[in-house]
Protein backbone atom coordinates (compact mmCIF):
# COMPACT_ATOMS: atom_id res chain seq x y z
CA MET A 1 52.89 -1.53 -30.26
CA GLU A 2 54.81 -3.18 -26.69
CA PRO A 3 52.45 -3.57 -24.06
CA LEU A 4 51.52 -0.57 -21.46
CA LEU A 5 51.76 -0.99 -17.57
CA THR A 6 49.81 -0.04 -15.49
CA ILE A 7 50.15 2.39 -12.57
CA GLN A 8 50.30 -0.37 -10.29
CA GLU A 9 53.20 -2.10 -12.20
CA ALA A 10 54.52 0.48 -12.81
CA ALA A 11 54.92 1.55 -8.96
CA ASP A 12 56.92 -2.32 -9.01
CA LEU A 13 58.41 -1.43 -10.95
CA THR A 14 60.22 1.44 -9.96
CA ARG A 15 59.78 1.58 -6.63
CA LEU A 16 57.56 4.93 -5.97
CA LYS A 17 53.94 4.61 -4.62
CA VAL A 18 51.66 4.40 -6.61
CA LYS A 19 49.72 7.54 -5.09
CA THR A 20 53.57 9.48 -6.05
CA LEU A 21 52.89 7.86 -9.87
CA TYR A 22 49.83 9.64 -10.18
CA THR A 23 50.73 13.26 -8.99
CA TYR A 24 53.66 12.34 -11.88
CA ALA A 25 51.42 11.95 -13.80
CA GLU A 26 49.49 15.00 -13.27
CA LYS A 27 51.65 17.55 -12.37
CA GLU A 28 52.82 15.89 -16.15
CA ILE A 29 57.22 15.35 -14.76
CA ILE A 30 56.57 11.24 -16.17
CA PRO A 31 56.62 10.39 -19.61
CA HIS A 32 52.32 8.46 -19.15
CA VAL A 33 49.25 7.36 -21.96
CA ARG A 34 45.94 8.20 -21.12
CA LEU A 35 42.81 6.53 -21.70
CA GLY A 36 39.89 8.54 -20.19
CA ARG A 37 40.04 8.23 -16.42
CA ARG A 38 43.14 5.79 -16.51
CA ILE A 39 46.71 6.01 -16.52
CA PHE A 40 49.99 3.66 -18.18
CA PHE A 41 53.24 3.66 -18.77
CA ARG A 42 56.10 2.22 -21.62
CA GLU A 43 58.33 0.59 -20.02
CA LYS A 44 60.80 1.47 -21.93
CA GLN A 45 60.30 5.30 -20.77
CA ILE A 46 60.33 4.74 -17.42
CA ASP A 47 63.20 2.99 -17.98
CA GLU A 48 64.52 6.44 -20.74
CA TRP A 49 62.69 8.81 -17.25
CA VAL A 50 65.18 6.83 -14.24
CA THR A 51 68.27 7.62 -16.38
CA GLN A 52 67.43 10.58 -17.08
CA CYS A 53 67.38 11.54 -13.37
CA SER A 54 70.48 9.57 -11.68
CA VAL A 55 72.84 12.56 -10.58
CA ASN A 56 76.40 11.48 -11.60
CA PRO A 57 79.05 11.46 -9.11
CA ILE A 58 81.08 14.91 -8.48
CA GLN A 59 85.34 13.91 -9.05
CA GLN A 60 87.36 13.88 -6.70
CA GLU A 61 89.39 15.89 -8.08
CA LEU A 62 87.03 18.84 -7.17
CA ILE A 63 86.76 18.06 -4.36
CA LYS A 64 89.79 19.23 -3.31
């Protein structure tokens, strides 16, 4: 099992604020693990989530 990241470690990794991560976890926007009242994250799932949030640029041909 891979080690779990704390909310601060996940914030450092994603460059999001801790408060934002708490909000995303509460709204189930970001994958997380809840153990009691504490929230943890798996680095692999965070990487996949960021990849899914990526926006691909529009092709130049479609802009003209």
